Amino acid sequence: MTTTWTSWDPTADQPQQHYLVEPRHLAGGGDLRHVTEYLRACGWKDLSRTGGPMAFDSPDRLVRIGFDPTATPGGLTVSGKATGQQPAWNVTFTMAVPIEVVAGFTDTLTKPRSAHAPNVWAPLEEHGWETSRVEEHFTAVAPDGNAWLQYHQSAPGQAHWWAGARTEHGRSWDAVFTPTTPMHLIQGFSAALADPTPVMRPLGHVPATKFIRTTSVSVRPSELGHWQQARITAARAATWARNSWTAARPRRQTPSPAGARTRR
């Protein structure tokens, strides 16, 4: 049994029972707004239809994030257009991928790219994931053995990234990345996947598996709202600062051809 993305209903501010769940890779889907509200705060255009497919376009219209609640098996897709040296790419997350792990990928889309070369495996190794290599196949396995990230190359130009998790009931979720997916985005995903911080789930949305550890906590809906608002406020502030810096940069002047006369 797995739990999928949902929305919490803060209709009353009475304390409600929630659970801190670890490891996060077995925590179930979570609240989809953790991703969508952050994207909206970062200036992404919401093209969603009420009760229908969800769609967000990046400000430069080069990336689209979509979710169709009526699709089978359903899940969230991220697609990037080809630009310059970057080929088109695509990523799929099935319904029970913890939304905090999905956010590791989608949040990275909204931030400036680091000047440092990305290392997908570093966050995993830092948190005790066991890495191995067999020829051109690389694998990292969680300390509990129930989640993994793999890079598989069967031939030049034929490769893919794949992550997943399982419980005693079988496969919990999958995330598949085309080989052209920008590496820094996959690193954002791997960092969120390896993060040992527990994630919160409301009563009734904790997966039924013996492989998780839970801590019961009493939380008011207003507290949940404040925590979510802090994340949104940080996103807006970072976006405003980045846009302000871009607007303030002096533009390069194109020199006139030698000898050209200025028209008055």
Protein backbone atom coordinates (compact mmCIF):
# COMPACT_ATOMS: atom_id res chain seq x y z
CA MET A 1 0.00 0.00 0.00
CA THR A 2 1.25 3.46 -0.91
CA THR A 3 -0.19 6.92 -0.44
CA THR A 4 -0.32 9.45 -3.23
CA TRP A 5 -0.33 13.22 -3.52
CA THR A 6 -3.25 14.94 -1.86
CA SER A 7 -4.22 18.26 -0.30
CA TRP A 8 -4.85 18.96 3.37
CA ASP A 9 -8.06 20.72 4.32
CA PRO A 10 -7.42 23.48 6.89
CA THR A 11 -11.13 24.10 7.60
CA ALA A 12 -10.62 24.44 11.34
CA ASP A 13 -7.67 25.39 13.48
CA GLN A 14 -8.00 22.52 15.90
CA PRO A 15 -4.85 20.48 16.62
CA GLN A 16 -4.67 17.50 14.30
CA GLN A 17 -2.60 14.38 14.51
CA HIS A 18 0.27 14.13 12.06
CA TYR A 19 3.31 11.94 11.82
CA LEU A 20 6.95 12.60 11.12
CA VAL A 21 7.97 9.77 8.81
CA GLU A 22 11.43 8.41 8.08
CA PRO A 23 13.06 7.41 5.86
CA ARG A 24 11.45 9.92 3.57
CA HIS A 25 11.72 7.72 0.48
CA LEU A 26 8.94 5.52 1.95
CA ALA A 27 6.73 8.35 3.26
CA GLY A 28 4.19 8.37 0.43
CA GLY A 29 3.26 11.20 -1.90
CA GLY A 30 2.40 14.16 0.34
CA ASP A 31 0.84 17.53 -0.51
CA LEU A 32 1.21 18.51 -4.17
CA ARG A 33 0.98 22.19 -3.24
CA HIS A 34 4.48 21.88 -1.82
CA VAL A 35 5.60 22.04 -5.47
CA THR A 36 2.85 24.05 -7.17
CA GLU A 37 2.73 26.98 -4.74
CA TYR A 38 6.50 27.29 -4.88
CA LEU A 39 6.44 27.40 -8.70
CA ARG A 40 3.74 30.07 -8.64
CA ALA A 41 5.80 32.14 -6.19
CA CYS A 42 8.77 31.88 -8.54
CA GLY A 43 6.84 33.40 -11.41
CA TRP A 44 5.87 30.24 -13.29
CA LYS A 45 2.67 30.56 -15.30
CA ASP A 46 -0.21 28.42 -14.04
CA LEU A 47 -2.10 26.93 -16.99
CA SER A 48 -4.06 24.43 -14.90
CA ARG A 49 -7.74 23.67 -15.31
CA THR A 50 -10.03 23.31 -12.33
CA GLY A 51 -10.49 19.63 -11.65
CA GLY A 52 -8.40 18.76 -14.67
CA PRO A 53 -4.78 18.56 -15.74
CA MET A 54 -2.26 20.75 -13.97
CA ALA A 55 0.34 22.60 -16.03
CA PHE A 56 3.00 25.18 -15.20
CA ASP A 57 5.32 26.87 -17.69
CA SER A 58 8.65 28.38 -16.70
CA PRO A 59 9.01 32.14 -17.21
CA ASP A 60 11.12 31.53 -20.33
CA ARG A 61 8.62 28.90 -21.56
CA LEU A 62 11.39 26.32 -21.95
CA VAL A 63 10.12 23.92 -19.28
CA ARG A 64 6.64 22.59 -18.58
CA ILE A 65 5.55 20.68 -15.48
CA GLY A 66 2.31 18.74 -15.78
CA PHE A 67 0.09 16.52 -13.69
CA ASP A 68 -3.10 14.79 -14.84
CA PRO A 69 -5.17 13.37 -11.95
CA THR A 70 -7.29 11.33 -14.39
CA ALA A 71 -4.40 9.61 -16.14
CA THR A 72 -3.44 5.99 -15.49
CA PRO A 73 -1.12 5.25 -13.78
CA GLY A 74 -0.74 9.01 -13.33
CA GLY A 75 2.08 11.11 -12.05
CA LEU A 76 3.99 14.29 -12.64
CA THR A 77 5.99 14.99 -15.80
CA VAL A 78 8.66 17.59 -16.44
CA SER A 79 9.66 18.39 -20.01
CA GLY A 80 12.40 20.68 -21.26
CA LYS A 81 12.73 22.07 -24.77
CA ALA A 82 15.93 21.86 -26.78
CA THR A 83 18.05 25.01 -26.50
CA GLY A 84 21.49 25.55 -27.99
CA GLN A 85 23.74 22.73 -26.77
CA GLN A 86 20.99 21.29 -24.53
CA PRO A 87 18.81 18.60 -26.18
CA ALA A 88 15.17 18.16 -25.19
CA TRP A 89 14.63 16.12 -22.04
CA ASN A 90 11.84 14.54 -20.03
CA VAL A 91 11.30 13.24 -16.49
CA THR A 92 8.41 11.26 -14.99
CA PHE A 93 7.54 10.82 -11.31
CA THR A 94 4.89 8.28 -10.34
CA MET A 95 2.20 9.20 -7.81
CA ALA A 96 3.86 8.00 -4.61
CA VAL A 97 7.23 9.74 -5.07
CA PRO A 98 7.49 11.85 -1.89
CA ILE A 99 6.64 15.40 -2.89
CA GLU A 100 9.65 16.71 -0.95
CA VAL A 101 11.88 14.61 -3.22
CA VAL A 102 10.08 15.85 -6.33
CA ALA A 103 10.63 19.38 -5.03
CA GLY A 104 14.36 18.72 -4.93
CA PHE A 105 14.15 18.54 -8.71
CA THR A 106 11.53 21.22 -9.40
CA ASP A 107 12.99 23.76 -6.96
CA THR A 108 16.33 23.44 -8.74
CA LEU A 109 14.61 24.48 -11.96
CA THR A 110 13.85 27.87 -10.41
CA LYS A 111 17.38 28.65 -9.23
CA PRO A 112 20.50 29.89 -11.03
CA ARG A 113 22.77 27.10 -12.13
CA SER A 114 25.90 26.68 -10.02
CA ALA A 115 29.29 27.28 -11.62
CA HIS A 116 30.52 24.03 -10.06
CA ALA A 117 30.24 20.77 -12.00
CA PRO A 118 27.29 18.74 -10.68
CA ASN A 119 27.91 15.46 -8.86
CA VAL A 120 24.77 13.35 -8.60
CA TRP A 121 26.37 10.76 -6.31
CA ALA A 122 27.93 13.11 -3.74
CA PRO A 123 24.76 13.81 -1.67
CA LEU A 124 23.96 10.11 -1.57
CA GLU A 125 27.43 9.06 -0.44
CA GLU A 126 27.43 11.82 2.16
CA HIS A 127 24.38 10.26 3.81
CA GLY A 128 25.55 6.68 3.76
CA TRP A 129 24.17 5.39 0.50
CA GLU A 130 26.28 2.56 -0.91
CA THR A 131 27.53 3.22 -4.43
CA SER A 132 28.85 0.65 -6.88
CA ARG A 133 29.90 0.41 -10.52
CA VAL A 134 29.73 -2.48 -12.95
CA GLU A 135 31.17 -1.42 -16.32
CA GLU A 136 29.00 1.55 -17.37
CA HIS A 137 26.28 0.89 -14.79
CA PHE A 138 26.32 3.00 -11.63
CA THR A 139 24.05 2.34 -8.63
CA ALA A 140 23.47 3.96 -5.24
CA VAL A 141 21.38 2.10 -2.64
CA ALA A 142 19.87 3.59 0.53
CA PRO A 143 21.15 2.39 3.90
CA ASP A 144 17.90 0.43 4.43
CA GLY A 145 18.17 -1.15 0.95
CA ASN A 146 14.69 0.04 -0.03
CA ALA A 147 15.53 2.89 -2.42
CA TRP A 148 18.02 3.35 -5.20
CA LEU A 149 19.31 5.57 -7.97
CA GLN A 150 20.83 4.01 -11.08
CA TYR A 151 22.58 5.17 -14.21
CA HIS A 152 22.41 2.49 -16.88
CA GLN A 153 24.17 2.67 -20.25
CA SER A 154 23.65 -0.24 -22.63
CA ALA A 155 25.41 1.41 -25.58
CA PRO A 156 26.73 4.85 -26.55
CA GLY A 157 23.76 7.19 -26.69
CA GLN A 158 21.50 4.61 -25.03
CA ALA A 159 21.33 5.41 -21.34
CA HIS A 160 18.89 6.40 -18.66
CA TRP A 161 18.66 7.46 -15.03
CA TRP A 162 16.20 5.63 -12.86
CA ALA A 163 15.24 5.90 -9.19
CA GLY A 164 12.76 3.90 -7.18
CA ALA A 165 11.70 2.52 -3.83
CA ARG A 166 9.96 -0.58 -2.52
CA THR A 167 8.41 -2.04 0.61
CA GLU A 168 7.33 -5.54 1.61
CA HIS A 169 4.26 -4.94 -0.59
CA GLY A 170 6.28 -4.38 -3.76
CA ARG A 171 7.34 -1.35 -5.77
CA SER A 172 6.35 1.96 -4.20
CA TRP A 173 7.39 4.48 -6.84
CA ASP A 174 9.60 5.20 -9.84
CA ALA A 175 11.31 8.27 -11.25
CA VAL A 176 12.76 8.05 -14.76
CA PHE A 177 15.04 10.66 -16.36
CA THR A 178 16.04 10.73 -20.01
CA PRO A 179 19.84 10.74 -20.51
CA THR A 180 19.69 14.34 -21.73
CA THR A 181 18.24 15.60 -18.42
CA PRO A 182 20.58 18.32 -17.07
CA MET A 183 22.83 16.81 -14.41
CA HIS A 184 22.39 19.62 -11.90
CA LEU A 185 18.66 18.89 -11.83
CA ILE A 186 19.27 15.22 -11.09
CA GLN A 187 21.68 16.29 -8.35
CA GLY A 188 18.89 18.38 -6.83
CA PHE A 189 16.72 15.26 -6.85
CA SER A 190 19.41 13.05 -5.34
CA ALA A 191 20.12 15.58 -2.57
CA ALA A 192 16.44 15.64 -1.59
CA LEU A 193 16.23 11.86 -1.85
CA ALA A 194 19.21 11.35 0.47
CA ASP A 195 18.15 14.00 3.01
CA PRO A 196 17.62 12.17 6.33
CA THR A 197 15.20 14.80 7.65
CA PRO A 198 11.77 13.22 8.38
CA VAL A 199 8.76 14.50 6.42
CA MET A 200 5.29 15.15 7.79
CA ARG A 201 2.15 13.28 6.81
CA PRO A 202 -1.40 13.71 8.18
CA LEU A 203 -3.35 10.94 9.88
CA GLY A 204 -4.58 8.48 7.27
CA HIS A 205 -1.78 9.22 4.81
CA VAL A 206 1.03 7.20 6.32
CA PRO A 207 1.96 4.14 4.23
CA ALA A 208 1.30 0.76 5.80
CA THR A 209 4.80 -0.66 5.87
CA LYS A 210 7.06 -2.04 8.59
CA PHE A 211 10.06 -0.25 7.06
CA ILE A 212 9.19 3.26 8.28
CA ARG A 213 9.58 4.94 11.65
CA THR A 214 6.95 7.43 12.76
CA THR A 215 6.71 10.07 15.47
CA SER A 216 3.25 11.34 16.37
CA VAL A 217 2.88 15.13 16.57
CA SER A 218 -0.08 17.45 17.14
CA VAL A 219 -0.20 20.28 14.60
CA ARG A 220 -2.66 23.09 13.96
CA PRO A 221 -3.62 23.82 10.33
CA SER A 222 -2.49 27.41 10.90
CA GLU A 223 0.98 26.13 11.77
CA LEU A 224 1.09 24.12 8.56
CA GLY A 225 0.03 27.25 6.72
CA HIS A 226 2.78 29.31 8.33
CA TRP A 227 5.44 26.76 7.38
CA GLN A 228 4.21 26.65 3.80
CA GLN A 229 4.02 30.45 3.66
CA ALA A 230 7.62 30.75 4.84
CA ARG A 231 8.71 28.58 1.91
CA ILE A 232 6.64 30.68 -0.52
CA THR A 233 7.95 33.95 0.93
CA ALA A 234 11.53 32.76 0.51
CA ALA A 235 10.82 31.83 -3.11
CA ARG A 236 9.30 35.24 -3.85
CA ALA A 237 12.20 37.06 -2.21
CA ALA A 238 14.79 35.06 -4.17
CA THR A 239 12.90 35.61 -7.42
CA TRP A 240 12.55 39.35 -6.78
CA ALA A 241 16.25 39.68 -5.94
CA ARG A 242 17.28 37.75 -9.03
CA ASN A 243 14.99 39.76 -11.32
CA SER A 244 16.13 43.05 -9.77
CA TRP A 245 19.77 42.16 -10.29
CA THR A 246 19.10 41.20 -13.90
CA ALA A 247 17.24 44.44 -14.57
CA ALA A 248 19.98 46.51 -12.94
CA ARG A 249 22.84 45.04 -14.98
CA PRO A 250 24.21 47.52 -17.48
CA ARG A 251 23.53 46.48 -21.02
CA ARG A 252 26.42 46.08 -23.39
CA GLN A 253 26.51 48.74 -26.04
CA THR A 254 27.04 47.56 -29.58
CA PRO A 255 29.80 49.71 -31.09
CA SER A 256 29.02 51.51 -34.31
CA PRO A 257 31.02 50.55 -37.41
CA ALA A 258 34.16 52.59 -37.79
CA GLY A 259 33.48 55.81 -39.59
CA ALA A 260 29.71 55.49 -39.28
CA ARG A 261 27.95 58.82 -38.99
CA THR A 262 25.28 59.35 -36.35
CA ARG A 263 21.96 60.50 -37.75
CA ARG A 264 20.63 63.57 -36.00
